[in-house]
Amino acid sequence: MHARNPSPSRGREVVINRLAGEAVLKGANVFSPGLLAASRGLAAGDAVAVTVALERRPGGWAGVNRGATLTQQLQAQLPGRLQLAVGVGRVTEGRRGLFRQQQGLAVEMLSRVYDIPACNGENEENVRYVLDRWPQMRLVQQPLLLGGPGLVGPGWLTAVEAQLVQRFDPVPGGGSSQEEDTMGFFIAKFKKTGSTTLTT
């Protein structure tokens, strides 16, 4: 994340917590539980800068309470090292409605300062590692299939293995939707077929 002036959004801004900020940088939108503060007078559809209030210490208070109005005084309490911009989004509700709802989509991201592709293959790499390192572990079919197949390629999965896992991407048409309130996830089911002798 990088410090940035939110002027492209005409001074309109929402502040989110660190966990929501990390999710945004991995491709997610902003959902209600992660929302902390917002500028006055926001209307549904307004473009806003999305910034993150970091904890002053790990697990501590971020310096802003949920539902706060982003005044000049509050902004002064969130110096650049504690308030970082992650992108620009569009609010789904007016200011009052944003904080009235406890779940669901709050800000649809339009652009990000730094995007990490949702389909980066990290989960497939982990599965590949397990299968190669412990030959007694094998992927098995899951009883309920709702997601899409895994990624196929060198260091990832074979075409057969890809059909045994489930990938839910945080983009429309990728196995999940904004309404599901998720940043995406991955399911793999293993069965141990013998003693787990480590392969070096």
N, C-alpha and C. Protein backbone atom coordinates (compact mmCIF):
# COMPACT_ATOMS: atom_id res chain seq x y z
N MET A 1 0.84 -1.18 0.00
CA MET A 1 0.00 0.00 0.00
C MET A 1 0.88 1.24 0.00
N HIS A 2 0.36 2.32 -0.56
CA HIS A 2 1.17 3.53 -0.68
C HIS A 2 0.34 4.73 -0.26
N ALA A 3 0.98 5.69 0.39
CA ALA A 3 0.30 6.92 0.75
C ALA A 3 0.00 7.69 -0.53
N ARG A 4 -1.21 8.27 -0.58
CA ARG A 4 -1.57 9.00 -1.80
C ARG A 4 -2.65 10.01 -1.49
N ASN A 5 -2.64 11.11 -2.17
CA ASN A 5 -3.66 12.14 -2.00
C ASN A 5 -4.94 11.68 -2.70
N PRO A 6 -6.09 11.69 -1.99
CA PRO A 6 -7.31 11.19 -2.60
C PRO A 6 -8.03 12.19 -3.48
N SER A 7 -7.36 13.23 -3.98
CA SER A 7 -8.00 14.30 -4.75
C SER A 7 -8.76 13.83 -5.99
N PRO A 8 -8.38 12.70 -6.69
CA PRO A 8 -9.16 12.30 -7.86
C PRO A 8 -10.64 12.06 -7.57
N SER A 9 -10.99 11.85 -6.30
CA SER A 9 -12.39 11.63 -5.94
C SER A 9 -13.03 12.88 -5.36
N ARG A 10 -12.46 14.05 -5.70
CA ARG A 10 -13.02 15.35 -5.30
C ARG A 10 -13.14 15.48 -3.79
N GLY A 11 -12.21 14.88 -3.08
CA GLY A 11 -12.19 15.01 -1.63
C GLY A 11 -13.08 14.03 -0.90
N ARG A 12 -13.89 13.26 -1.63
CA ARG A 12 -14.74 12.26 -0.97
C ARG A 12 -13.90 11.04 -0.62
N GLU A 13 -14.12 10.49 0.55
CA GLU A 13 -13.24 9.43 1.03
C GLU A 13 -13.96 8.51 2.00
N VAL A 14 -13.60 7.25 1.99
CA VAL A 14 -14.00 6.32 3.04
C VAL A 14 -12.73 5.73 3.63
N VAL A 15 -12.77 5.45 4.91
CA VAL A 15 -11.65 4.84 5.61
C VAL A 15 -12.05 3.43 6.03
N ILE A 16 -11.20 2.47 5.76
CA ILE A 16 -11.48 1.08 6.10
C ILE A 16 -10.39 0.55 7.02
N ASN A 17 -10.65 -0.62 7.64
CA ASN A 17 -9.64 -1.19 8.53
C ASN A 17 -8.58 -1.96 7.76
N ARG A 18 -7.54 -2.37 8.45
CA ARG A 18 -6.39 -3.02 7.80
C ARG A 18 -6.78 -4.31 7.09
N LEU A 19 -7.60 -5.14 7.73
CA LEU A 19 -7.97 -6.41 7.12
C LEU A 19 -8.73 -6.19 5.81
N ALA A 20 -9.62 -5.20 5.81
CA ALA A 20 -10.35 -4.88 4.58
C ALA A 20 -9.40 -4.35 3.52
N GLY A 21 -8.41 -3.57 3.94
CA GLY A 21 -7.43 -3.04 3.00
C GLY A 21 -6.61 -4.14 2.35
N GLU A 22 -6.21 -5.13 3.14
CA GLU A 22 -5.47 -6.25 2.58
C GLU A 22 -6.32 -7.02 1.58
N ALA A 23 -7.62 -7.17 1.90
CA ALA A 23 -8.51 -7.87 0.99
C ALA A 23 -8.68 -7.12 -0.32
N VAL A 24 -8.78 -5.78 -0.25
CA VAL A 24 -8.91 -4.96 -1.46
C VAL A 24 -7.70 -5.17 -2.37
N LEU A 25 -6.52 -5.22 -1.79
CA LEU A 25 -5.31 -5.38 -2.59
C LEU A 25 -5.19 -6.77 -3.19
N LYS A 26 -6.01 -7.70 -2.72
CA LYS A 26 -6.04 -9.05 -3.30
C LYS A 26 -7.19 -9.21 -4.28
N GLY A 27 -7.92 -8.11 -4.54
CA GLY A 27 -8.96 -8.17 -5.55
C GLY A 27 -10.38 -8.02 -5.05
N ALA A 28 -10.57 -7.88 -3.74
CA ALA A 28 -11.93 -7.81 -3.19
C ALA A 28 -12.48 -6.39 -3.25
N ASN A 29 -13.79 -6.28 -3.10
CA ASN A 29 -14.44 -4.99 -2.87
C ASN A 29 -14.46 -4.73 -1.37
N VAL A 30 -15.03 -3.60 -0.96
CA VAL A 30 -15.14 -3.28 0.46
C VAL A 30 -16.53 -3.67 0.94
N PHE A 31 -16.57 -4.49 1.99
CA PHE A 31 -17.84 -4.91 2.57
C PHE A 31 -18.06 -4.20 3.90
N SER A 32 -19.29 -4.12 4.32
CA SER A 32 -19.68 -3.29 5.46
C SER A 32 -18.85 -3.48 6.73
N PRO A 33 -18.52 -4.71 7.14
CA PRO A 33 -17.77 -4.86 8.39
C PRO A 33 -16.42 -4.15 8.40
N GLY A 34 -15.84 -3.91 7.23
CA GLY A 34 -14.53 -3.27 7.17
C GLY A 34 -14.57 -1.77 7.12
N LEU A 35 -15.75 -1.18 7.03
CA LEU A 35 -15.89 0.27 6.88
C LEU A 35 -15.78 0.96 8.23
N LEU A 36 -14.95 2.01 8.31
CA LEU A 36 -14.76 2.74 9.56
C LEU A 36 -15.36 4.14 9.53
N ALA A 37 -15.00 4.94 8.53
CA ALA A 37 -15.43 6.34 8.49
C ALA A 37 -15.68 6.75 7.06
N ALA A 38 -16.40 7.86 6.88
CA ALA A 38 -16.71 8.35 5.54
C ALA A 38 -16.92 9.85 5.56
N SER A 39 -16.70 10.48 4.42
CA SER A 39 -16.91 11.92 4.29
C SER A 39 -18.39 12.26 4.44
N ARG A 40 -18.66 13.51 4.74
CA ARG A 40 -20.04 14.00 4.83
C ARG A 40 -20.69 13.99 3.44
N GLY A 41 -22.00 13.87 3.43
CA GLY A 41 -22.77 14.10 2.22
C GLY A 41 -22.61 13.08 1.11
N LEU A 42 -22.14 11.89 1.41
CA LEU A 42 -22.00 10.88 0.36
C LEU A 42 -23.38 10.42 -0.11
N ALA A 43 -23.50 10.23 -1.43
CA ALA A 43 -24.72 9.70 -2.01
C ALA A 43 -24.38 8.41 -2.74
N ALA A 44 -25.36 7.54 -2.88
CA ALA A 44 -25.15 6.28 -3.59
C ALA A 44 -24.60 6.55 -4.98
N GLY A 45 -23.55 5.83 -5.35
CA GLY A 45 -22.94 6.01 -6.66
C GLY A 45 -21.76 6.95 -6.69
N ASP A 46 -21.52 7.68 -5.59
CA ASP A 46 -20.38 8.60 -5.55
C ASP A 46 -19.07 7.84 -5.62
N ALA A 47 -18.11 8.41 -6.36
CA ALA A 47 -16.76 7.86 -6.37
C ALA A 47 -16.02 8.37 -5.14
N VAL A 48 -15.28 7.49 -4.48
CA VAL A 48 -14.57 7.86 -3.26
C VAL A 48 -13.15 7.29 -3.28
N ALA A 49 -12.24 8.01 -2.65
CA ALA A 49 -10.93 7.43 -2.38
C ALA A 49 -11.10 6.45 -1.23
N VAL A 50 -10.43 5.32 -1.29
CA VAL A 50 -10.50 4.31 -0.24
C VAL A 50 -9.15 4.28 0.46
N THR A 51 -9.15 4.61 1.74
CA THR A 51 -7.91 4.64 2.51
C THR A 51 -8.02 3.71 3.71
N VAL A 52 -6.87 3.36 4.26
CA VAL A 52 -6.80 2.39 5.35
C VAL A 52 -6.24 3.06 6.60
N ALA A 53 -6.91 2.85 7.74
CA ALA A 53 -6.39 3.29 9.03
C ALA A 53 -5.73 2.09 9.69
N LEU A 54 -4.41 2.15 9.83
CA LEU A 54 -3.66 1.06 10.46
C LEU A 54 -3.71 1.17 11.97
N GLU A 55 -3.61 0.04 12.64
CA GLU A 55 -3.55 0.06 14.09
C GLU A 55 -2.28 0.77 14.55
N ARG A 56 -2.38 1.49 15.64
CA ARG A 56 -1.20 2.17 16.18
C ARG A 56 -0.22 1.16 16.77
N ARG A 57 -0.74 -0.01 17.11
CA ARG A 57 0.10 -1.14 17.49
C ARG A 57 -0.67 -2.39 17.08
N PRO A 58 0.01 -3.51 16.84
CA PRO A 58 -0.67 -4.74 16.38
C PRO A 58 -1.84 -5.11 17.28
N GLY A 59 -3.00 -5.28 16.66
CA GLY A 59 -4.20 -5.66 17.40
C GLY A 59 -4.83 -4.52 18.17
N GLY A 60 -4.29 -3.32 18.03
CA GLY A 60 -4.79 -2.18 18.80
C GLY A 60 -5.82 -1.36 18.03
N TRP A 61 -6.14 -0.20 18.59
CA TRP A 61 -7.14 0.70 18.02
C TRP A 61 -6.54 1.44 16.85
N ALA A 62 -7.32 1.62 15.79
CA ALA A 62 -6.82 2.29 14.59
C ALA A 62 -6.98 3.80 14.63
N GLY A 63 -7.55 4.32 15.74
CA GLY A 63 -7.68 5.76 15.87
C GLY A 63 -8.97 6.32 15.31
N VAL A 64 -9.89 5.46 14.90
CA VAL A 64 -11.18 5.91 14.36
C VAL A 64 -12.25 4.88 14.68
N ASN A 65 -13.40 5.35 15.13
CA ASN A 65 -14.52 4.47 15.46
C ASN A 65 -15.44 4.29 14.26
N ARG A 66 -16.05 3.13 14.14
CA ARG A 66 -16.96 2.86 13.04
C ARG A 66 -18.11 3.88 13.03
N GLY A 67 -18.37 4.43 11.86
CA GLY A 67 -19.45 5.40 11.70
C GLY A 67 -19.01 6.84 11.82
N ALA A 68 -17.73 7.07 12.06
CA ALA A 68 -17.23 8.43 12.24
C ALA A 68 -17.32 9.22 10.94
N THR A 69 -17.54 10.53 11.09
CA THR A 69 -17.51 11.45 9.95
C THR A 69 -16.08 11.91 9.75
N LEU A 70 -15.64 11.85 8.51
CA LEU A 70 -14.24 12.17 8.20
C LEU A 70 -14.07 13.69 8.14
N THR A 71 -13.88 14.30 9.29
CA THR A 71 -13.67 15.75 9.39
C THR A 71 -12.18 16.06 9.26
N GLN A 72 -11.87 17.35 9.14
CA GLN A 72 -10.46 17.76 9.09
C GLN A 72 -9.75 17.38 10.38
N GLN A 73 -10.48 17.47 11.51
CA GLN A 73 -9.88 17.11 12.79
C GLN A 73 -9.53 15.62 12.82
N LEU A 74 -10.42 14.77 12.34
CA LEU A 74 -10.14 13.33 12.33
C LEU A 74 -9.00 13.01 11.36
N GLN A 75 -9.00 13.68 10.21
CA GLN A 75 -7.92 13.46 9.25
C GLN A 75 -6.57 13.82 9.85
N ALA A 76 -6.54 14.86 10.67
CA ALA A 76 -5.30 15.28 11.31
C ALA A 76 -4.80 14.23 12.30
N GLN A 77 -5.73 13.43 12.83
CA GLN A 77 -5.36 12.38 13.77
C GLN A 77 -4.89 11.12 13.06
N LEU A 78 -5.01 11.10 11.73
CA LEU A 78 -4.60 9.94 10.94
C LEU A 78 -3.50 10.38 9.99
N PRO A 79 -2.29 10.55 10.49
CA PRO A 79 -1.19 11.00 9.63
C PRO A 79 -0.89 9.99 8.54
N GLY A 80 -0.08 10.42 7.56
CA GLY A 80 0.19 9.60 6.39
C GLY A 80 0.65 8.20 6.68
N ARG A 81 1.45 8.01 7.73
CA ARG A 81 1.96 6.67 8.00
C ARG A 81 0.87 5.75 8.53
N LEU A 82 -0.25 6.31 9.00
CA LEU A 82 -1.33 5.49 9.52
C LEU A 82 -2.53 5.43 8.57
N GLN A 83 -2.54 6.29 7.56
CA GLN A 83 -3.66 6.34 6.63
C GLN A 83 -3.12 6.17 5.22
N LEU A 84 -3.41 5.05 4.59
CA LEU A 84 -2.84 4.71 3.30
C LEU A 84 -3.94 4.49 2.27
N ALA A 85 -3.73 4.99 1.06
CA ALA A 85 -4.72 4.85 -0.01
C ALA A 85 -4.52 3.53 -0.74
N VAL A 86 -5.62 2.82 -0.99
CA VAL A 86 -5.54 1.56 -1.73
C VAL A 86 -6.27 1.63 -3.07
N GLY A 87 -7.01 2.71 -3.32
CA GLY A 87 -7.67 2.82 -4.61
C GLY A 87 -8.87 3.74 -4.59
N VAL A 88 -9.67 3.64 -5.63
CA VAL A 88 -10.89 4.44 -5.80
C VAL A 88 -12.05 3.50 -6.01
N GLY A 89 -13.17 3.78 -5.35
CA GLY A 89 -14.34 2.93 -5.49
C GLY A 89 -15.61 3.75 -5.61
N ARG A 90 -16.74 3.04 -5.70
CA ARG A 90 -18.04 3.70 -5.80
C ARG A 90 -18.93 3.16 -4.69
N VAL A 91 -19.47 4.06 -3.86
CA VAL A 91 -20.29 3.62 -2.73
C VAL A 91 -21.66 3.14 -3.21
N THR A 92 -22.17 2.12 -2.54
CA THR A 92 -23.46 1.53 -2.93
C THR A 92 -24.64 2.19 -2.25
N GLU A 93 -24.38 2.96 -1.20
CA GLU A 93 -25.43 3.62 -0.42
C GLU A 93 -24.98 5.03 -0.07
N GLY A 94 -25.92 5.83 0.38
CA GLY A 94 -25.56 7.12 0.95
C GLY A 94 -24.83 6.89 2.27
N ARG A 95 -24.28 7.95 2.83
CA ARG A 95 -23.47 7.80 4.03
C ARG A 95 -24.21 7.09 5.16
N ARG A 96 -25.43 7.50 5.42
CA ARG A 96 -26.19 6.90 6.51
C ARG A 96 -26.44 5.42 6.27
N GLY A 97 -26.80 5.09 5.03
CA GLY A 97 -27.07 3.69 4.69
C GLY A 97 -25.84 2.80 4.79
N LEU A 98 -24.67 3.36 4.49
CA LEU A 98 -23.44 2.57 4.56
C LEU A 98 -23.21 2.01 5.95
N PHE A 99 -23.49 2.81 6.97
CA PHE A 99 -23.21 2.37 8.33
C PHE A 99 -24.42 1.70 8.99
N ARG A 100 -25.59 1.84 8.37
CA ARG A 100 -26.76 1.17 8.91
C ARG A 100 -26.69 -0.33 8.66
N GLN A 101 -26.17 -0.71 7.48
CA GLN A 101 -26.09 -2.14 7.16
C GLN A 101 -24.88 -2.77 7.84
N GLN A 102 -25.04 -4.01 8.28
CA GLN A 102 -23.98 -4.72 8.98
C GLN A 102 -23.24 -5.70 8.09
N GLN A 103 -23.76 -5.96 6.91
CA GLN A 103 -23.09 -6.87 5.98
C GLN A 103 -23.43 -6.46 4.56
N GLY A 104 -22.75 -7.08 3.60
CA GLY A 104 -23.01 -6.76 2.21
C GLY A 104 -22.00 -5.77 1.64
N LEU A 105 -22.13 -5.55 0.35
CA LEU A 105 -21.20 -4.69 -0.38
C LEU A 105 -21.39 -3.22 0.01
N ALA A 106 -20.29 -2.55 0.35
CA ALA A 106 -20.34 -1.13 0.70
C ALA A 106 -19.70 -0.26 -0.37
N VAL A 107 -18.56 -0.70 -0.89
CA VAL A 107 -17.85 0.06 -1.91
C VAL A 107 -17.38 -0.89 -3.00
N GLU A 108 -17.82 -0.64 -4.23
CA GLU A 108 -17.34 -1.41 -5.37
C GLU A 108 -16.07 -0.74 -5.88
N MET A 109 -14.97 -1.48 -5.87
CA MET A 109 -13.69 -0.90 -6.27
C MET A 109 -13.65 -0.68 -7.78
N LEU A 110 -13.21 0.51 -8.19
CA LEU A 110 -13.06 0.84 -9.60
C LEU A 110 -11.61 0.71 -10.05
N SER A 111 -10.69 1.03 -9.17
CA SER A 111 -9.26 0.89 -9.46
C SER A 111 -8.53 0.73 -8.15
N ARG A 112 -7.34 0.14 -8.23
CA ARG A 112 -6.54 -0.10 -7.04
C ARG A 112 -5.14 0.46 -7.25
N VAL A 113 -4.52 0.86 -6.14
CA VAL A 113 -3.14 1.34 -6.21
C VAL A 113 -2.24 0.19 -6.63
N TYR A 114 -2.53 -0.99 -6.10
CA TYR A 114 -1.69 -2.15 -6.39
C TYR A 114 -2.57 -3.38 -6.40
N ASP A 115 -2.75 -4.00 -7.55
CA ASP A 115 -3.59 -5.17 -7.68
C ASP A 115 -2.76 -6.44 -7.62
N ILE A 116 -3.22 -7.39 -6.84
CA ILE A 116 -2.65 -8.74 -6.85
C ILE A 116 -3.67 -9.60 -7.59
N PRO A 117 -3.33 -10.22 -8.72
CA PRO A 117 -4.31 -11.00 -9.46
C PRO A 117 -4.98 -12.05 -8.59
N ALA A 118 -6.30 -12.16 -8.70
CA ALA A 118 -7.03 -13.15 -7.92
C ALA A 118 -6.62 -14.56 -8.32
N CYS A 119 -6.29 -14.74 -9.59
CA CYS A 119 -5.92 -16.06 -10.10
C CYS A 119 -4.40 -16.19 -10.15
N ASN A 120 -3.76 -16.10 -9.00
CA ASN A 120 -2.30 -16.13 -9.01
C ASN A 120 -1.73 -17.53 -8.81
N GLY A 121 -2.58 -18.54 -8.60
CA GLY A 121 -2.11 -19.91 -8.52
C GLY A 121 -1.47 -20.31 -7.21
N GLU A 122 -1.53 -19.46 -6.20
CA GLU A 122 -0.88 -19.79 -4.93
C GLU A 122 -1.47 -21.04 -4.30
N ASN A 123 -2.79 -21.18 -4.34
CA ASN A 123 -3.42 -22.36 -3.75
C ASN A 123 -3.02 -23.63 -4.49
N GLU A 124 -2.99 -23.55 -5.82
CA GLU A 124 -2.58 -24.71 -6.61
C GLU A 124 -1.13 -25.10 -6.32
N GLU A 125 -0.28 -24.10 -6.11
CA GLU A 125 1.11 -24.39 -5.76
C GLU A 125 1.20 -25.15 -4.44
N ASN A 126 0.36 -24.77 -3.48
CA ASN A 126 0.36 -25.45 -2.19
C ASN A 126 -0.10 -26.91 -2.34
N VAL A 127 -1.12 -27.13 -3.16
CA VAL A 127 -1.59 -28.49 -3.40
C VAL A 127 -0.51 -29.31 -4.09
N ARG A 128 0.14 -28.71 -5.09
CA ARG A 128 1.22 -29.40 -5.80
C ARG A 128 2.33 -29.82 -4.83
N TYR A 129 2.65 -28.91 -3.91
CA TYR A 129 3.70 -29.19 -2.93
C TYR A 129 3.34 -30.41 -2.09
N VAL A 130 2.10 -30.45 -1.59
CA VAL A 130 1.66 -31.58 -0.77
C VAL A 130 1.72 -32.88 -1.56
N LEU A 131 1.21 -32.87 -2.78
CA LEU A 131 1.18 -34.09 -3.59
C LEU A 131 2.58 -34.59 -3.94
N ASP A 132 3.50 -33.67 -4.20
CA ASP A 132 4.86 -34.07 -4.56
C ASP A 132 5.67 -34.49 -3.34
N ARG A 133 5.43 -33.83 -2.21
CA ARG A 133 6.25 -34.10 -1.02
C ARG A 133 5.78 -35.35 -0.27
N TRP A 134 4.46 -35.59 -0.29
CA TRP A 134 3.90 -36.74 0.42
C TRP A 134 3.08 -37.58 -0.56
N PRO A 135 3.70 -38.55 -1.23
CA PRO A 135 3.01 -39.36 -2.24
C PRO A 135 1.81 -40.14 -1.70
N GLN A 136 1.75 -40.33 -0.38
CA GLN A 136 0.62 -41.06 0.21
C GLN A 136 -0.63 -40.20 0.31
N MET A 137 -0.50 -38.92 0.04
CA MET A 137 -1.66 -38.03 0.05
C MET A 137 -2.17 -37.88 -1.37
N ARG A 138 -3.47 -38.02 -1.53
CA ARG A 138 -4.04 -37.84 -2.88
C ARG A 138 -5.32 -37.02 -2.80
N LEU A 139 -5.58 -36.30 -3.86
CA LEU A 139 -6.81 -35.51 -3.95
C LEU A 139 -7.99 -36.45 -4.20
N VAL A 140 -9.12 -36.14 -3.58
CA VAL A 140 -10.32 -36.94 -3.79
C VAL A 140 -11.48 -36.03 -4.18
N GLN A 141 -12.47 -36.62 -4.82
CA GLN A 141 -13.66 -35.89 -5.27
C GLN A 141 -14.44 -35.35 -4.07
N GLN A 142 -14.96 -34.14 -4.20
CA GLN A 142 -15.77 -33.54 -3.15
C GLN A 142 -17.25 -33.79 -3.44
N PRO A 143 -18.04 -34.05 -2.41
CA PRO A 143 -19.45 -34.42 -2.64
C PRO A 143 -20.31 -33.31 -3.23
N LEU A 144 -19.96 -32.05 -2.94
CA LEU A 144 -20.77 -30.93 -3.43
C LEU A 144 -19.87 -29.98 -4.20
N LEU A 145 -20.14 -29.81 -5.49
CA LEU A 145 -19.31 -28.95 -6.34
C LEU A 145 -20.05 -27.66 -6.66
N LEU A 146 -19.51 -26.56 -6.20
CA LEU A 146 -20.12 -25.25 -6.44
C LEU A 146 -19.15 -24.31 -7.15
N GLY A 147 -17.86 -24.50 -6.94
CA GLY A 147 -16.86 -23.62 -7.52
C GLY A 147 -16.34 -24.12 -8.86
N GLY A 148 -15.42 -23.36 -9.42
CA GLY A 148 -14.80 -23.74 -10.68
C GLY A 148 -13.58 -24.61 -10.45
N PRO A 149 -12.99 -25.15 -11.51
CA PRO A 149 -11.81 -26.00 -11.37
C PRO A 149 -10.57 -25.18 -11.01
N GLY A 150 -9.52 -25.90 -10.58
CA GLY A 150 -8.26 -25.25 -10.27
C GLY A 150 -7.51 -24.87 -11.53
N LEU A 151 -6.38 -24.21 -11.35
CA LEU A 151 -5.56 -23.77 -12.47
C LEU A 151 -4.61 -24.88 -12.90
N VAL A 152 -4.46 -25.04 -14.21
CA VAL A 152 -3.61 -26.08 -14.79
C VAL A 152 -2.33 -25.43 -15.32
N GLY A 153 -1.19 -26.05 -15.06
CA GLY A 153 0.05 -25.52 -15.59
C GLY A 153 1.25 -26.03 -14.82
N PRO A 154 2.45 -25.73 -15.29
CA PRO A 154 3.68 -26.14 -14.61
C PRO A 154 3.72 -25.59 -13.17
N GLY A 155 3.95 -26.46 -12.22
CA GLY A 155 3.99 -26.04 -10.82
C GLY A 155 2.62 -25.95 -10.19
N TRP A 156 1.56 -26.12 -10.99
CA TRP A 156 0.21 -26.09 -10.47
C TRP A 156 -0.38 -27.49 -10.52
N LEU A 157 -1.48 -27.68 -11.22
CA LEU A 157 -2.18 -28.96 -11.23
C LEU A 157 -2.28 -29.52 -12.64
N THR A 158 -2.47 -30.85 -12.72
CA THR A 158 -2.78 -31.47 -13.99
C THR A 158 -4.26 -31.24 -14.27
N ALA A 159 -4.70 -31.53 -15.48
CA ALA A 159 -6.10 -31.35 -15.84
C ALA A 159 -7.02 -32.19 -14.96
N VAL A 160 -6.58 -33.41 -14.63
CA VAL A 160 -7.39 -34.29 -13.78
C VAL A 160 -7.45 -33.74 -12.35
N GLU A 161 -6.30 -33.32 -11.83
CA GLU A 161 -6.26 -32.78 -10.46
C GLU A 161 -7.09 -31.51 -10.34
N ALA A 162 -7.08 -30.69 -11.37
CA ALA A 162 -7.81 -29.42 -11.32
C ALA A 162 -9.31 -29.64 -11.15
N GLN A 163 -9.82 -30.78 -11.62
CA GLN A 163 -11.24 -31.07 -11.50
C GLN A 163 -11.62 -31.55 -10.10
N LEU A 164 -10.61 -31.83 -9.27
CA LEU A 164 -10.88 -32.34 -7.91
C LEU A 164 -10.84 -31.25 -6.86
N VAL A 165 -10.49 -30.03 -7.24
CA VAL A 165 -10.48 -28.92 -6.30
C VAL A 165 -11.56 -27.92 -6.72
N GLN A 166 -11.83 -26.95 -5.84
CA GLN A 166 -12.82 -25.91 -6.15
C GLN A 166 -12.22 -24.54 -5.92
N ARG A 167 -12.32 -23.68 -6.92
CA ARG A 167 -11.82 -22.32 -6.84
C ARG A 167 -13.00 -21.35 -6.95
N PHE A 168 -13.07 -20.41 -6.01
CA PHE A 168 -14.11 -19.37 -6.01
C PHE A 168 -13.39 -18.03 -6.13
N ASP A 169 -13.43 -17.42 -7.28
CA ASP A 169 -12.72 -16.17 -7.50
C ASP A 169 -13.59 -14.97 -7.15
N PRO A 170 -13.00 -13.86 -6.68
CA PRO A 170 -13.78 -12.69 -6.26
C PRO A 170 -14.13 -11.77 -7.41
N VAL A 171 -14.50 -12.31 -8.57
CA VAL A 171 -14.89 -11.50 -9.72
C VAL A 171 -16.14 -12.09 -10.33
N PRO A 172 -17.05 -11.27 -10.88
CA PRO A 172 -18.26 -11.80 -11.50
C PRO A 172 -17.91 -12.83 -12.58
N GLY A 173 -18.61 -13.95 -12.53
CA GLY A 173 -18.39 -15.00 -13.51
C GLY A 173 -17.24 -15.91 -13.18
N GLY A 174 -16.58 -15.69 -12.05
CA GLY A 174 -15.42 -16.50 -11.70
C GLY A 174 -15.70 -17.52 -10.64
N GLY A 175 -16.97 -17.79 -10.35
CA GLY A 175 -17.28 -18.81 -9.37
C GLY A 175 -17.93 -18.24 -8.13
N SER A 176 -17.96 -16.91 -7.99
CA SER A 176 -18.66 -16.29 -6.87
C SER A 176 -19.14 -14.92 -7.33
N SER A 177 -19.93 -14.27 -6.49
CA SER A 177 -20.45 -12.96 -6.86
C SER A 177 -20.29 -12.00 -5.70
N GLN A 178 -20.48 -10.73 -5.99
CA GLN A 178 -20.37 -9.72 -4.95
C GLN A 178 -21.37 -9.98 -3.84
N GLU A 179 -22.54 -10.50 -4.19
CA GLU A 179 -23.58 -10.72 -3.20
C GLU A 179 -23.18 -11.78 -2.19
N GLU A 180 -22.19 -12.62 -2.53
CA GLU A 180 -21.79 -13.66 -1.60
C GLU A 180 -20.85 -13.14 -0.52
N ASP A 181 -20.49 -11.85 -0.60
CA ASP A 181 -19.69 -11.22 0.46
C ASP A 181 -18.39 -11.96 0.71
N THR A 182 -17.64 -12.26 -0.35
CA THR A 182 -16.40 -13.02 -0.20
C THR A 182 -15.29 -12.44 -1.05
N MET A 183 -14.05 -12.59 -0.60
CA MET A 183 -12.90 -12.18 -1.40
C MET A 183 -12.35 -13.35 -2.18
N GLY A 184 -13.06 -14.48 -2.18
CA GLY A 184 -12.61 -15.66 -2.90
C GLY A 184 -11.99 -16.68 -1.96
N PHE A 185 -12.14 -17.96 -2.32
CA PHE A 185 -11.52 -19.00 -1.51
C PHE A 185 -11.31 -20.25 -2.36
N PHE A 186 -10.72 -21.26 -1.73
CA PHE A 186 -10.25 -22.44 -2.46
C PHE A 186 -10.46 -23.66 -1.56
N ILE A 187 -10.93 -24.77 -2.15
CA ILE A 187 -11.16 -26.00 -1.38
C ILE A 187 -10.43 -27.16 -2.03
N ALA A 188 -9.68 -27.89 -1.24
CA ALA A 188 -9.04 -29.13 -1.70
C ALA A 188 -9.25 -30.18 -0.62
N LYS A 189 -9.65 -31.38 -1.02
CA LYS A 189 -9.87 -32.47 -0.07
C LYS A 189 -8.84 -33.57 -0.34
N PHE A 190 -8.08 -33.92 0.71
CA PHE A 190 -7.04 -34.94 0.59
C PHE A 190 -7.46 -36.20 1.34
N LYS A 191 -6.94 -37.34 0.87
CA LYS A 191 -7.10 -38.60 1.58
C LYS A 191 -5.72 -39.22 1.77
N LYS A 192 -5.45 -39.64 3.00
CA LYS A 192 -4.18 -40.29 3.32
C LYS A 192 -4.30 -41.78 3.00
N THR A 193 -3.46 -42.28 2.11
CA THR A 193 -3.58 -43.68 1.66
C THR A 193 -2.51 -44.59 2.26
N GLY A 194 -1.64 -44.05 3.09
CA GLY A 194 -0.58 -44.84 3.72
C GLY A 194 0.19 -43.98 4.67
N SER A 195 1.27 -44.52 5.21
CA SER A 195 2.11 -43.74 6.11
C SER A 195 2.73 -42.58 5.35
N THR A 196 2.76 -41.42 5.97
CA THR A 196 3.23 -40.21 5.26
C THR A 196 4.74 -40.11 5.34
N THR A 197 5.41 -40.93 4.53
CA THR A 197 6.86 -40.86 4.42
C THR A 197 7.23 -39.63 3.60
N LEU A 198 8.10 -38.82 4.14
CA LEU A 198 8.48 -37.57 3.47
C LEU A 198 9.34 -37.85 2.27
N THR A 199 9.00 -37.23 1.12
CA THR A 199 9.82 -37.34 -0.08
C THR A 199 10.69 -36.10 -0.20
N THR A 200 11.99 -36.30 -0.28
CA THR A 200 12.89 -35.14 -0.34
C THR A 200 13.31 -34.88 -1.79
